[in-house]
Amino acid sequence: MPLELSRLLAVERGITALIGSGGKTTAMYLLAEELSRRGTVICTTSTHILMPSHLHTLVDPTPEDLSRALAENSVVCTGSTASEGKLTAPTLSWATLAALADYVLVEADGAHRLPCKAHLPHEPVIPPETTQTILLVGASGLEKPIQEAAHRPEVFCRLSGRKPGDPITPAALAAVIKAEALGDKVLMNQADGPEEMAQAKILADLLPVPVFAGSLWKRSFLCLS
């Protein structure tokens, strides 16, 4: 049986922020499912997420409301109401959330559903109490033009030294990731086959942080460094 993603990433108690692109929401809910076997879990955001239909969700709860919900449900989603059926950052402090649940998973970035991303100065929105930050990258962006597959393509080009029409390569990704230095670990999703895994290994060899790669869809990942 494959090792659980939460154990592979060594997700610890406290706040874990998910940033980048290529599967943050899916990763958050998979981690929540796994971690709920070991404790209580809060899923939330510091930016925006769609309100989940599969989780018990509380909008602007009091600490007492959230505590009661966690006693009845191993995983609870919370936040404040945003437009278009979305949630935004909770009104409760991050420290309060971390005190109420064993694990707090925060989607702390947005990528407009693109597989790769560079960041503006105000991004990502990582809670100061975060104990671990996991940067996601989508393998489906590899070999596609930067201007088509990267959110904030102008920043991606500046940091990687490439042009908008150039393909996204592991070297270009590594240049952006190293320049930004935002994640404690890198998780390449959408690496569904040997070609993508080979590209992920190239990326891993270029980065100073641990790199993991595989498929959230298949629930199968490997540690590459």
N, C-alpha and C. Protein backbone atom coordinates (compact mmCIF):
# COMPACT_ATOMS: atom_id res chain seq x y z
N MET A 1 0.85 -1.20 0.00
CA MET A 1 0.00 0.00 0.00
C MET A 1 0.88 1.25 0.00
N PRO A 2 0.58 2.23 -0.90
CA PRO A 2 1.39 3.44 -0.94
C PRO A 2 1.35 4.20 0.38
N LEU A 3 2.46 4.85 0.70
CA LEU A 3 2.53 5.65 1.90
C LEU A 3 1.60 6.84 1.78
N GLU A 4 0.85 7.14 2.83
CA GLU A 4 -0.05 8.29 2.81
C GLU A 4 0.74 9.57 2.52
N LEU A 5 0.10 10.47 1.77
CA LEU A 5 0.76 11.73 1.42
C LEU A 5 1.11 12.53 2.67
N SER A 6 0.24 12.52 3.66
CA SER A 6 0.50 13.27 4.89
C SER A 6 1.73 12.75 5.62
N ARG A 7 1.96 11.46 5.55
CA ARG A 7 3.15 10.88 6.19
C ARG A 7 4.39 11.11 5.33
N LEU A 8 4.24 11.03 4.02
CA LEU A 8 5.36 11.29 3.12
C LEU A 8 5.86 12.72 3.29
N LEU A 9 4.92 13.66 3.43
CA LEU A 9 5.28 15.07 3.63
C LEU A 9 5.60 15.41 5.07
N ALA A 10 5.40 14.44 5.97
CA ALA A 10 5.65 14.63 7.40
C ALA A 10 4.88 15.83 7.94
N VAL A 11 3.58 15.86 7.63
CA VAL A 11 2.72 16.95 8.12
C VAL A 11 2.59 16.82 9.63
N GLU A 12 2.95 17.89 10.32
CA GLU A 12 2.93 17.89 11.78
C GLU A 12 1.71 18.65 12.29
N ARG A 13 1.45 18.50 13.58
CA ARG A 13 0.37 19.26 14.20
C ARG A 13 0.67 20.75 14.10
N GLY A 14 -0.38 21.54 14.03
CA GLY A 14 -0.22 22.97 13.83
C GLY A 14 -0.76 23.37 12.47
N ILE A 15 -0.24 24.46 11.94
CA ILE A 15 -0.76 25.03 10.69
C ILE A 15 0.15 24.67 9.53
N THR A 16 -0.44 24.08 8.50
CA THR A 16 0.26 23.79 7.25
C THR A 16 -0.38 24.63 6.15
N ALA A 17 0.44 25.42 5.46
CA ALA A 17 -0.05 26.26 4.36
C ALA A 17 0.27 25.60 3.03
N LEU A 18 -0.71 25.59 2.14
CA LEU A 18 -0.54 25.06 0.79
C LEU A 18 -0.54 26.24 -0.18
N ILE A 19 0.54 26.38 -0.95
CA ILE A 19 0.67 27.50 -1.86
C ILE A 19 1.03 26.98 -3.25
N GLY A 20 1.07 27.90 -4.22
CA GLY A 20 1.46 27.52 -5.56
C GLY A 20 0.27 27.24 -6.46
N SER A 21 0.35 26.14 -7.20
CA SER A 21 -0.63 25.87 -8.25
C SER A 21 -0.71 24.37 -8.51
N GLY A 22 -1.74 23.97 -9.27
CA GLY A 22 -1.78 22.59 -9.72
C GLY A 22 -2.37 21.59 -8.76
N GLY A 23 -3.30 22.02 -7.87
CA GLY A 23 -3.97 21.03 -7.04
C GLY A 23 -4.02 21.31 -5.56
N LYS A 24 -3.93 22.58 -5.15
CA LYS A 24 -3.91 22.90 -3.72
C LYS A 24 -5.17 22.42 -3.00
N THR A 25 -6.33 22.69 -3.58
CA THR A 25 -7.58 22.32 -2.90
C THR A 25 -7.70 20.81 -2.78
N THR A 26 -7.41 20.10 -3.86
CA THR A 26 -7.47 18.64 -3.83
C THR A 26 -6.50 18.09 -2.81
N ALA A 27 -5.30 18.64 -2.77
CA ALA A 27 -4.30 18.20 -1.80
C ALA A 27 -4.77 18.46 -0.38
N MET A 28 -5.38 19.62 -0.15
CA MET A 28 -5.86 19.94 1.20
C MET A 28 -6.88 18.93 1.67
N TYR A 29 -7.82 18.57 0.81
CA TYR A 29 -8.86 17.64 1.23
C TYR A 29 -8.34 16.21 1.37
N LEU A 30 -7.37 15.83 0.55
CA LEU A 30 -6.76 14.51 0.72
C LEU A 30 -6.00 14.45 2.04
N LEU A 31 -5.22 15.48 2.33
CA LEU A 31 -4.50 15.53 3.60
C LEU A 31 -5.45 15.51 4.78
N ALA A 32 -6.56 16.24 4.65
CA ALA A 32 -7.55 16.28 5.73
C ALA A 32 -8.13 14.89 5.98
N GLU A 33 -8.43 14.18 4.90
CA GLU A 33 -8.97 12.83 5.04
C GLU A 33 -7.99 11.92 5.77
N GLU A 34 -6.72 12.01 5.41
CA GLU A 34 -5.71 11.16 6.05
C GLU A 34 -5.48 11.57 7.51
N LEU A 35 -5.34 12.86 7.74
CA LEU A 35 -5.03 13.34 9.08
C LEU A 35 -6.18 13.14 10.05
N SER A 36 -7.40 13.05 9.54
CA SER A 36 -8.56 12.86 10.41
C SER A 36 -8.53 11.52 11.11
N ARG A 37 -7.72 10.60 10.63
CA ARG A 37 -7.55 9.30 11.29
C ARG A 37 -6.65 9.42 12.51
N ARG A 38 -5.97 10.58 12.63
CA ARG A 38 -5.03 10.77 13.73
C ARG A 38 -5.38 11.93 14.65
N GLY A 39 -6.41 12.69 14.26
CA GLY A 39 -6.79 13.84 15.08
C GLY A 39 -7.85 14.67 14.39
N THR A 40 -8.12 15.83 14.95
CA THR A 40 -9.11 16.73 14.35
C THR A 40 -8.43 17.67 13.36
N VAL A 41 -9.20 18.07 12.34
CA VAL A 41 -8.64 18.85 11.25
C VAL A 41 -9.56 20.02 10.90
N ILE A 42 -8.98 21.20 10.75
CA ILE A 42 -9.69 22.35 10.21
C ILE A 42 -9.13 22.64 8.83
N CYS A 43 -10.02 22.77 7.83
CA CYS A 43 -9.65 23.22 6.50
C CYS A 43 -10.14 24.66 6.34
N THR A 44 -9.28 25.52 5.83
CA THR A 44 -9.68 26.91 5.67
C THR A 44 -8.81 27.57 4.60
N THR A 45 -8.90 28.87 4.50
CA THR A 45 -8.14 29.60 3.49
C THR A 45 -7.74 30.97 4.02
N SER A 46 -6.66 31.49 3.49
CA SER A 46 -6.29 32.88 3.76
C SER A 46 -6.61 33.74 2.55
N THR A 47 -7.10 33.11 1.47
CA THR A 47 -7.48 33.83 0.25
C THR A 47 -8.95 33.52 -0.06
N HIS A 48 -9.20 32.59 -0.97
CA HIS A 48 -10.57 32.19 -1.30
C HIS A 48 -10.59 30.71 -1.71
N ILE A 49 -11.65 30.02 -1.29
CA ILE A 49 -11.92 28.67 -1.78
C ILE A 49 -13.42 28.53 -1.98
N LEU A 50 -13.80 27.60 -2.84
CA LEU A 50 -15.22 27.28 -2.97
C LEU A 50 -15.69 26.59 -1.71
N MET A 51 -16.89 26.89 -1.28
CA MET A 51 -17.43 26.25 -0.09
C MET A 51 -17.64 24.76 -0.39
N PRO A 52 -17.02 23.87 0.35
CA PRO A 52 -17.12 22.44 0.03
C PRO A 52 -18.49 21.87 0.38
N SER A 53 -18.94 20.94 -0.45
CA SER A 53 -20.23 20.30 -0.20
C SER A 53 -20.07 19.02 0.61
N HIS A 54 -18.82 18.51 0.69
CA HIS A 54 -18.60 17.21 1.34
C HIS A 54 -18.12 17.33 2.78
N LEU A 55 -17.93 18.55 3.26
CA LEU A 55 -17.45 18.75 4.63
C LEU A 55 -18.43 19.58 5.44
N HIS A 56 -18.48 19.32 6.73
CA HIS A 56 -19.24 20.17 7.64
C HIS A 56 -18.57 21.54 7.64
N THR A 57 -19.32 22.58 7.27
CA THR A 57 -18.74 23.91 7.09
C THR A 57 -19.42 24.91 8.01
N LEU A 58 -18.61 25.71 8.70
CA LEU A 58 -19.12 26.76 9.58
C LEU A 58 -18.62 28.11 9.08
N VAL A 59 -19.54 29.05 8.94
CA VAL A 59 -19.20 30.40 8.51
C VAL A 59 -19.17 31.31 9.74
N ASP A 60 -18.04 31.95 9.95
CA ASP A 60 -17.85 32.88 11.07
C ASP A 60 -18.30 32.30 12.41
N PRO A 61 -17.81 31.12 12.77
CA PRO A 61 -18.23 30.53 14.06
C PRO A 61 -17.53 31.18 15.23
N THR A 62 -18.10 30.99 16.40
CA THR A 62 -17.39 31.32 17.63
C THR A 62 -16.43 30.16 17.93
N PRO A 63 -15.47 30.37 18.81
CA PRO A 63 -14.60 29.24 19.19
C PRO A 63 -15.41 28.07 19.76
N GLU A 64 -16.46 28.37 20.49
CA GLU A 64 -17.29 27.32 21.08
C GLU A 64 -18.02 26.53 19.99
N ASP A 65 -18.53 27.24 18.98
CA ASP A 65 -19.20 26.57 17.86
C ASP A 65 -18.24 25.62 17.15
N LEU A 66 -17.05 26.10 16.91
CA LEU A 66 -16.07 25.30 16.19
C LEU A 66 -15.61 24.10 17.02
N SER A 67 -15.46 24.31 18.31
CA SER A 67 -15.06 23.22 19.19
C SER A 67 -16.12 22.12 19.22
N ARG A 68 -17.39 22.52 19.29
CA ARG A 68 -18.48 21.53 19.27
C ARG A 68 -18.51 20.78 17.95
N ALA A 69 -18.32 21.50 16.84
CA ALA A 69 -18.35 20.86 15.53
C ALA A 69 -17.21 19.85 15.39
N LEU A 70 -16.04 20.18 15.91
CA LEU A 70 -14.90 19.26 15.83
C LEU A 70 -15.11 18.03 16.71
N ALA A 71 -15.88 18.18 17.77
CA ALA A 71 -16.18 17.03 18.62
C ALA A 71 -17.10 16.04 17.91
N GLU A 72 -17.88 16.54 16.96
CA GLU A 72 -18.83 15.70 16.24
C GLU A 72 -18.34 15.30 14.85
N ASN A 73 -17.41 16.08 14.30
CA ASN A 73 -16.89 15.82 12.95
C ASN A 73 -15.37 15.90 12.99
N SER A 74 -14.70 14.90 12.48
CA SER A 74 -13.24 14.91 12.56
C SER A 74 -12.62 15.98 11.67
N VAL A 75 -13.34 16.40 10.63
CA VAL A 75 -12.87 17.46 9.74
C VAL A 75 -13.95 18.53 9.63
N VAL A 76 -13.55 19.79 9.81
CA VAL A 76 -14.48 20.91 9.67
C VAL A 76 -13.83 21.96 8.79
N CYS A 77 -14.62 22.52 7.88
CA CYS A 77 -14.16 23.65 7.07
C CYS A 77 -14.75 24.92 7.64
N THR A 78 -13.95 25.98 7.67
CA THR A 78 -14.46 27.25 8.19
C THR A 78 -13.85 28.42 7.44
N GLY A 79 -14.53 29.56 7.53
CA GLY A 79 -14.08 30.79 6.90
C GLY A 79 -15.17 31.82 6.99
N SER A 80 -14.98 32.90 6.27
CA SER A 80 -15.99 33.96 6.20
C SER A 80 -16.62 33.94 4.81
N THR A 81 -17.84 34.43 4.72
CA THR A 81 -18.56 34.42 3.46
C THR A 81 -17.93 35.39 2.45
N ALA A 82 -17.72 34.87 1.24
CA ALA A 82 -17.28 35.70 0.12
C ALA A 82 -18.32 35.57 -0.99
N SER A 83 -18.10 36.23 -2.10
CA SER A 83 -19.05 36.18 -3.19
C SER A 83 -18.97 34.87 -3.95
N GLU A 84 -20.00 34.57 -4.72
CA GLU A 84 -20.04 33.43 -5.63
C GLU A 84 -19.84 32.09 -4.92
N GLY A 85 -20.43 31.96 -3.74
CA GLY A 85 -20.36 30.70 -3.02
C GLY A 85 -18.98 30.33 -2.50
N LYS A 86 -18.15 31.32 -2.28
CA LYS A 86 -16.80 31.06 -1.80
C LYS A 86 -16.64 31.46 -0.34
N LEU A 87 -15.58 30.92 0.24
CA LEU A 87 -15.17 31.31 1.59
C LEU A 87 -13.88 32.11 1.49
N THR A 88 -13.72 33.05 2.39
CA THR A 88 -12.46 33.77 2.51
C THR A 88 -11.92 33.56 3.93
N ALA A 89 -10.89 34.28 4.29
CA ALA A 89 -10.19 34.03 5.56
C ALA A 89 -11.13 34.08 6.77
N PRO A 90 -10.91 33.22 7.73
CA PRO A 90 -11.77 33.19 8.92
C PRO A 90 -11.59 34.42 9.79
N THR A 91 -12.63 34.71 10.57
CA THR A 91 -12.54 35.83 11.51
C THR A 91 -11.75 35.44 12.76
N LEU A 92 -11.78 34.17 13.11
CA LEU A 92 -11.00 33.71 14.26
C LEU A 92 -9.52 33.78 13.92
N SER A 93 -8.70 34.05 14.92
CA SER A 93 -7.26 34.16 14.69
C SER A 93 -6.67 32.79 14.35
N TRP A 94 -5.54 32.82 13.68
CA TRP A 94 -4.86 31.56 13.34
C TRP A 94 -4.45 30.82 14.61
N ALA A 95 -4.03 31.56 15.61
CA ALA A 95 -3.64 30.93 16.88
C ALA A 95 -4.83 30.22 17.52
N THR A 96 -6.01 30.83 17.42
CA THR A 96 -7.21 30.20 17.97
C THR A 96 -7.53 28.91 17.23
N LEU A 97 -7.45 28.95 15.90
CA LEU A 97 -7.72 27.74 15.11
C LEU A 97 -6.74 26.63 15.47
N ALA A 98 -5.47 26.99 15.61
CA ALA A 98 -4.45 25.99 15.94
C ALA A 98 -4.65 25.41 17.33
N ALA A 99 -5.26 26.19 18.22
CA ALA A 99 -5.53 25.69 19.57
C ALA A 99 -6.75 24.78 19.61
N LEU A 100 -7.65 24.93 18.64
CA LEU A 100 -8.90 24.16 18.64
C LEU A 100 -8.76 22.80 17.95
N ALA A 101 -7.87 22.70 16.96
CA ALA A 101 -7.74 21.45 16.20
C ALA A 101 -6.30 20.96 16.23
N ASP A 102 -6.14 19.66 16.02
CA ASP A 102 -4.79 19.11 15.95
C ASP A 102 -4.06 19.60 14.72
N TYR A 103 -4.77 19.67 13.59
CA TYR A 103 -4.17 20.08 12.33
C TYR A 103 -5.02 21.18 11.70
N VAL A 104 -4.37 22.21 11.19
CA VAL A 104 -5.04 23.27 10.44
C VAL A 104 -4.40 23.34 9.06
N LEU A 105 -5.21 23.11 8.03
CA LEU A 105 -4.73 23.15 6.65
C LEU A 105 -5.28 24.41 6.00
N VAL A 106 -4.38 25.22 5.44
CA VAL A 106 -4.76 26.52 4.89
C VAL A 106 -4.38 26.60 3.42
N GLU A 107 -5.38 26.79 2.57
CA GLU A 107 -5.07 27.12 1.17
C GLU A 107 -4.73 28.60 1.15
N ALA A 108 -3.47 28.90 0.87
CA ALA A 108 -2.95 30.25 1.10
C ALA A 108 -2.51 30.96 -0.17
N ASP A 109 -3.09 30.56 -1.29
CA ASP A 109 -2.63 31.10 -2.57
C ASP A 109 -3.72 30.90 -3.61
N GLY A 110 -3.61 31.61 -4.72
CA GLY A 110 -4.52 31.42 -5.84
C GLY A 110 -3.72 31.39 -7.13
N ALA A 111 -4.20 30.62 -8.11
CA ALA A 111 -3.46 30.49 -9.37
C ALA A 111 -4.37 30.51 -10.59
N HIS A 112 -5.64 30.88 -10.40
CA HIS A 112 -6.60 30.95 -11.53
C HIS A 112 -6.64 29.64 -12.31
N ARG A 113 -6.50 28.53 -11.60
CA ARG A 113 -6.59 27.18 -12.17
C ARG A 113 -5.49 26.86 -13.19
N LEU A 114 -4.41 27.61 -13.16
CA LEU A 114 -3.27 27.33 -14.03
C LEU A 114 -2.29 26.42 -13.29
N PRO A 115 -1.52 25.60 -14.02
CA PRO A 115 -0.65 24.61 -13.36
C PRO A 115 0.62 25.17 -12.74
N CYS A 116 1.05 26.37 -13.17
CA CYS A 116 2.29 26.94 -12.65
C CYS A 116 2.03 28.38 -12.22
N LYS A 117 2.91 28.90 -11.36
CA LYS A 117 2.69 30.25 -10.85
C LYS A 117 3.98 30.89 -10.35
N ALA A 118 4.05 32.22 -10.58
CA ALA A 118 5.00 33.06 -9.87
C ALA A 118 4.17 34.03 -9.03
N HIS A 119 4.83 34.76 -8.13
CA HIS A 119 4.08 35.52 -7.13
C HIS A 119 4.40 37.00 -7.16
N LEU A 120 3.36 37.81 -6.93
CA LEU A 120 3.51 39.22 -6.67
C LEU A 120 3.91 39.42 -5.20
N PRO A 121 4.37 40.61 -4.83
CA PRO A 121 4.86 40.81 -3.46
C PRO A 121 3.85 40.49 -2.36
N HIS A 122 2.56 40.67 -2.63
CA HIS A 122 1.56 40.41 -1.58
C HIS A 122 1.13 38.95 -1.53
N GLU A 123 1.72 38.12 -2.36
CA GLU A 123 1.37 36.69 -2.41
C GLU A 123 2.56 35.84 -1.99
N PRO A 124 2.29 34.63 -1.52
CA PRO A 124 1.03 34.10 -1.00
C PRO A 124 0.72 34.70 0.36
N VAL A 125 -0.46 34.35 0.89
CA VAL A 125 -0.88 34.89 2.20
C VAL A 125 -0.69 33.79 3.24
N ILE A 126 0.53 33.65 3.72
CA ILE A 126 0.89 32.57 4.64
C ILE A 126 0.70 33.06 6.08
N PRO A 127 -0.15 32.39 6.86
CA PRO A 127 -0.33 32.80 8.26
C PRO A 127 1.01 32.80 9.01
N PRO A 128 1.25 33.79 9.84
CA PRO A 128 2.54 33.88 10.54
C PRO A 128 2.80 32.70 11.47
N GLU A 129 1.75 32.03 11.91
CA GLU A 129 1.92 30.89 12.82
C GLU A 129 2.16 29.57 12.08
N THR A 130 2.29 29.62 10.77
CA THR A 130 2.46 28.40 9.97
C THR A 130 3.71 27.64 10.37
N THR A 131 3.56 26.32 10.52
CA THR A 131 4.71 25.48 10.87
C THR A 131 5.36 24.85 9.64
N GLN A 132 4.61 24.73 8.54
CA GLN A 132 5.15 24.14 7.32
C GLN A 132 4.42 24.71 6.11
N THR A 133 5.17 25.03 5.05
CA THR A 133 4.59 25.54 3.82
C THR A 133 4.95 24.60 2.67
N ILE A 134 3.93 24.10 2.01
CA ILE A 134 4.12 23.16 0.90
C ILE A 134 3.76 23.87 -0.40
N LEU A 135 4.71 23.93 -1.32
CA LEU A 135 4.52 24.57 -2.61
C LEU A 135 4.15 23.53 -3.65
N LEU A 136 2.97 23.68 -4.25
CA LEU A 136 2.53 22.76 -5.29
C LEU A 136 2.83 23.31 -6.67
N VAL A 137 3.14 22.39 -7.59
CA VAL A 137 3.37 22.71 -9.00
C VAL A 137 2.65 21.66 -9.82
N GLY A 138 2.04 22.06 -10.94
CA GLY A 138 1.36 21.12 -11.81
C GLY A 138 2.23 20.70 -12.97
N ALA A 139 2.48 19.40 -13.08
CA ALA A 139 3.32 18.89 -14.18
C ALA A 139 2.69 19.13 -15.55
N SER A 140 1.38 19.35 -15.60
CA SER A 140 0.73 19.59 -16.89
C SER A 140 1.19 20.90 -17.54
N GLY A 141 1.86 21.77 -16.76
CA GLY A 141 2.37 23.01 -17.33
C GLY A 141 3.69 22.86 -18.04
N LEU A 142 4.38 21.75 -17.83
CA LEU A 142 5.69 21.55 -18.45
C LEU A 142 5.58 21.51 -19.97
N GLU A 143 6.54 22.17 -20.60
CA GLU A 143 6.65 22.26 -22.06
C GLU A 143 5.60 23.13 -22.71
N LYS A 144 4.70 23.71 -21.93
CA LYS A 144 3.74 24.67 -22.48
C LYS A 144 4.30 26.08 -22.36
N PRO A 145 3.88 26.99 -23.24
CA PRO A 145 4.39 28.37 -23.16
C PRO A 145 4.07 29.01 -21.81
N ILE A 146 5.01 29.77 -21.32
CA ILE A 146 4.81 30.45 -20.03
C ILE A 146 3.54 31.28 -20.04
N GLN A 147 3.28 31.98 -21.12
CA GLN A 147 2.13 32.88 -21.18
C GLN A 147 0.80 32.13 -21.15
N GLU A 148 0.82 30.83 -21.39
CA GLU A 148 -0.40 30.03 -21.38
C GLU A 148 -0.58 29.23 -20.09
N ALA A 149 0.51 28.82 -19.47
CA ALA A 149 0.41 27.86 -18.37
C ALA A 149 0.82 28.41 -17.02
N ALA A 150 1.29 29.65 -16.95
CA ALA A 150 1.74 30.22 -15.68
C ALA A 150 0.88 31.42 -15.28
N HIS A 151 0.43 31.41 -14.04
CA HIS A 151 -0.22 32.60 -13.47
C HIS A 151 0.89 33.60 -13.13
N ARG A 152 0.66 34.86 -13.35
CA ARG A 152 1.66 35.92 -13.24
C ARG A 152 2.82 35.66 -14.20
N PRO A 153 2.54 35.49 -15.51
CA PRO A 153 3.60 35.13 -16.46
C PRO A 153 4.72 36.16 -16.54
N GLU A 154 4.38 37.44 -16.32
CA GLU A 154 5.42 38.47 -16.39
C GLU A 154 6.44 38.29 -15.27
N VAL A 155 5.97 37.88 -14.09
CA VAL A 155 6.89 37.63 -12.97
C VAL A 155 7.68 36.35 -13.23
N PHE A 156 7.00 35.34 -13.75
CA PHE A 156 7.66 34.08 -14.07
C PHE A 156 8.80 34.32 -15.06
N CYS A 157 8.55 35.13 -16.08
CA CYS A 157 9.59 35.42 -17.08
C CYS A 157 10.76 36.17 -16.45
N ARG A 158 10.46 37.14 -15.62
CA ARG A 158 11.53 37.93 -15.00
C ARG A 158 12.42 37.06 -14.11
N LEU A 159 11.80 36.19 -13.33
CA LEU A 159 12.58 35.38 -12.39
C LEU A 159 13.32 34.23 -13.08
N SER A 160 12.77 33.74 -14.18
CA SER A 160 13.39 32.60 -14.86
C SER A 160 14.30 33.01 -16.00
N GLY A 161 14.23 34.29 -16.42
CA GLY A 161 15.04 34.74 -17.54
C GLY A 161 14.54 34.26 -18.88
N ARG A 162 13.27 33.87 -18.94
CA ARG A 162 12.67 33.39 -20.18
C ARG A 162 11.74 34.43 -20.78
N LYS A 163 11.26 34.12 -21.99
CA LYS A 163 10.29 34.97 -22.68
C LYS A 163 8.91 34.34 -22.58
N PRO A 164 7.84 35.15 -22.77
CA PRO A 164 6.48 34.63 -22.62
C PRO A 164 6.17 33.41 -23.47
N GLY A 165 6.73 33.33 -24.66
CA GLY A 165 6.45 32.19 -25.53
C GLY A 165 7.33 30.99 -25.31
N ASP A 166 8.31 31.11 -24.41
CA ASP A 166 9.20 29.98 -24.13
C ASP A 166 8.47 28.91 -23.33
N PRO A 167 8.86 27.64 -23.50
CA PRO A 167 8.22 26.58 -22.73
C PRO A 167 8.66 26.58 -21.28
N ILE A 168 7.77 26.11 -20.42
CA ILE A 168 8.12 25.92 -19.01
C ILE A 168 8.91 24.63 -18.89
N THR A 169 10.12 24.73 -18.43
CA THR A 169 11.00 23.58 -18.24
C THR A 169 11.30 23.41 -16.75
N PRO A 170 11.82 22.24 -16.36
CA PRO A 170 12.21 22.10 -14.95
C PRO A 170 13.22 23.16 -14.52
N ALA A 171 14.13 23.55 -15.42
CA ALA A 171 15.12 24.58 -15.07
C ALA A 171 14.45 25.93 -14.85
N ALA A 172 13.45 26.26 -15.68
CA ALA A 172 12.73 27.52 -15.49
C ALA A 172 11.95 27.50 -14.18
N LEU A 173 11.27 26.39 -13.89
CA LEU A 173 10.55 26.26 -12.62
C LEU A 173 11.50 26.39 -11.44
N ALA A 174 12.63 25.72 -11.53
CA ALA A 174 13.60 25.77 -10.44
C ALA A 174 14.09 27.18 -10.20
N ALA A 175 14.31 27.93 -11.28
CA ALA A 175 14.78 29.31 -11.13
C ALA A 175 13.77 30.16 -10.39
N VAL A 176 12.48 29.99 -10.72
CA VAL A 176 11.43 30.75 -10.05
C VAL A 176 11.31 30.33 -8.58
N ILE A 177 11.30 29.03 -8.35
CA ILE A 177 11.13 28.54 -6.98
C ILE A 177 12.29 28.97 -6.09
N LYS A 178 13.51 28.91 -6.61
CA LYS A 178 14.67 29.32 -5.82
C LYS A 178 14.67 30.83 -5.56
N ALA A 179 14.28 31.60 -6.57
CA ALA A 179 14.26 33.06 -6.41
C ALA A 179 13.24 33.49 -5.36
N GLU A 180 12.09 32.81 -5.34
CA GLU A 180 11.03 33.19 -4.40
C GLU A 180 11.23 32.60 -3.01
N ALA A 181 11.80 31.41 -2.93
CA ALA A 181 12.10 30.76 -1.64
C ALA A 181 10.90 30.78 -0.70
N LEU A 182 9.76 30.29 -1.17
CA LEU A 182 8.52 30.37 -0.39
C LEU A 182 8.14 29.06 0.29
N GLY A 183 8.54 27.93 -0.25
CA GLY A 183 8.08 26.65 0.26
C GLY A 183 9.16 25.88 1.00
N ASP A 184 8.76 25.21 2.08
CA ASP A 184 9.68 24.31 2.78
C ASP A 184 9.87 23.01 2.00
N LYS A 185 8.83 22.64 1.24
CA LYS A 185 8.85 21.42 0.43
C LYS A 185 8.10 21.71 -0.87
N VAL A 186 8.45 20.99 -1.92
CA VAL A 186 7.78 21.14 -3.21
C VAL A 186 7.09 19.84 -3.56
N LEU A 187 5.83 19.96 -3.96
CA LEU A 187 5.04 18.81 -4.36
C LEU A 187 4.59 19.00 -5.80
N MET A 188 5.13 18.19 -6.73
CA MET A 188 4.71 18.26 -8.12
C MET A 188 3.56 17.27 -8.33
N ASN A 189 2.38 17.80 -8.57
CA ASN A 189 1.20 17.00 -8.87
C ASN A 189 1.11 16.79 -10.39
N GLN A 190 0.22 15.91 -10.80
CA GLN A 190 -0.04 15.62 -12.21
C GLN A 190 1.11 14.89 -12.90
N ALA A 191 2.04 14.37 -12.11
CA ALA A 191 3.11 13.55 -12.67
C ALA A 191 2.61 12.12 -12.77
N ASP A 192 1.76 11.90 -13.77
CA ASP A 192 1.02 10.64 -13.88
C ASP A 192 1.80 9.52 -14.59
N GLY A 193 2.86 9.87 -15.29
CA GLY A 193 3.58 8.86 -16.05
C GLY A 193 5.08 9.01 -15.92
N PRO A 194 5.84 8.11 -16.56
CA PRO A 194 7.31 8.12 -16.43
C PRO A 194 7.95 9.38 -16.98
N GLU A 195 7.37 9.96 -18.04
CA GLU A 195 7.96 11.18 -18.61
C GLU A 195 7.86 12.34 -17.62
N GLU A 196 6.69 12.50 -17.00
CA GLU A 196 6.52 13.56 -16.01
C GLU A 196 7.39 13.34 -14.78
N MET A 197 7.51 12.07 -14.37
CA MET A 197 8.35 11.78 -13.21
C MET A 197 9.82 12.06 -13.51
N ALA A 198 10.24 11.83 -14.75
CA ALA A 198 11.62 12.13 -15.13
C ALA A 198 11.87 13.63 -15.07
N GLN A 199 10.89 14.43 -15.52
CA GLN A 199 10.99 15.88 -15.42
C GLN A 199 11.02 16.35 -13.97
N ALA A 200 10.21 15.68 -13.15
CA ALA A 200 10.19 16.02 -11.73
C ALA A 200 11.54 15.73 -11.08
N LYS A 201 12.19 14.67 -11.50
CA LYS A 201 13.50 14.34 -10.94
C LYS A 201 14.53 15.40 -11.32
N ILE A 202 14.43 15.92 -12.54
CA ILE A 202 15.32 17.00 -12.94
C ILE A 202 15.10 18.21 -12.04
N LEU A 203 13.82 18.53 -11.79
CA LEU A 203 13.50 19.64 -10.90
C LEU A 203 14.07 19.41 -9.51
N ALA A 204 13.91 18.19 -9.00
CA ALA A 204 14.40 17.87 -7.66
C ALA A 204 15.91 18.06 -7.56
N ASP A 205 16.62 17.71 -8.61
CA ASP A 205 18.08 17.84 -8.59
C ASP A 205 18.54 19.30 -8.60
N LEU A 206 17.63 20.20 -8.99
CA LEU A 206 17.98 21.62 -9.10
C LEU A 206 17.58 22.43 -7.87
N LEU A 207 16.84 21.83 -6.95
CA LEU A 207 16.31 22.58 -5.82
C LEU A 207 16.97 22.19 -4.50
N PRO A 208 17.09 23.15 -3.57
CA PRO A 208 17.71 22.87 -2.28
C PRO A 208 16.74 22.35 -1.23
N VAL A 209 15.44 22.21 -1.58
CA VAL A 209 14.44 21.73 -0.63
C VAL A 209 13.93 20.37 -1.08
N PRO A 210 13.32 19.59 -0.18
CA PRO A 210 12.79 18.28 -0.57
C PRO A 210 11.70 18.42 -1.64
N VAL A 211 11.75 17.52 -2.61
CA VAL A 211 10.78 17.51 -3.71
C VAL A 211 10.07 16.16 -3.75
N PHE A 212 8.74 16.22 -3.88
CA PHE A 212 7.91 15.03 -3.98
C PHE A 212 7.12 15.13 -5.29
N ALA A 213 6.81 14.00 -5.89
CA ALA A 213 6.09 14.06 -7.16
C ALA A 213 5.19 12.85 -7.30
N GLY A 214 4.10 13.05 -8.02
CA GLY A 214 3.16 11.96 -8.26
C GLY A 214 1.82 12.51 -8.68
N SER A 215 0.76 11.81 -8.28
CA SER A 215 -0.58 12.14 -8.75
C SER A 215 -1.58 12.13 -7.60
N LEU A 216 -2.23 13.26 -7.39
CA LEU A 216 -3.31 13.30 -6.40
C LEU A 216 -4.46 12.41 -6.85
N TRP A 217 -4.69 12.36 -8.15
CA TRP A 217 -5.77 11.53 -8.70
C TRP A 217 -5.52 10.05 -8.39
N LYS A 218 -4.27 9.61 -8.54
CA LYS A 218 -3.93 8.21 -8.26
C LYS A 218 -3.60 7.97 -6.79
N ARG A 219 -3.44 9.06 -6.04
CA ARG A 219 -3.03 8.98 -4.63
C ARG A 219 -1.70 8.25 -4.51
N SER A 220 -0.78 8.61 -5.36
CA SER A 220 0.52 7.93 -5.40
C SER A 220 1.62 8.96 -5.58
N PHE A 221 2.56 9.01 -4.62
CA PHE A 221 3.65 9.98 -4.67
C PHE A 221 4.96 9.34 -4.22
N LEU A 222 6.06 9.94 -4.66
CA LEU A 222 7.39 9.50 -4.28
C LEU A 222 8.18 10.70 -3.78
N CYS A 223 9.12 10.45 -2.88
CA CYS A 223 10.07 11.45 -2.47
C CYS A 223 11.26 11.38 -3.43
N LEU A 224 11.62 12.49 -4.05
CA LEU A 224 12.68 12.50 -5.06
C LEU A 224 13.98 13.10 -4.54
N SER A 225 13.94 13.71 -3.37
CA SER A 225 15.19 14.30 -2.84
C SER A 225 15.10 14.41 -1.32
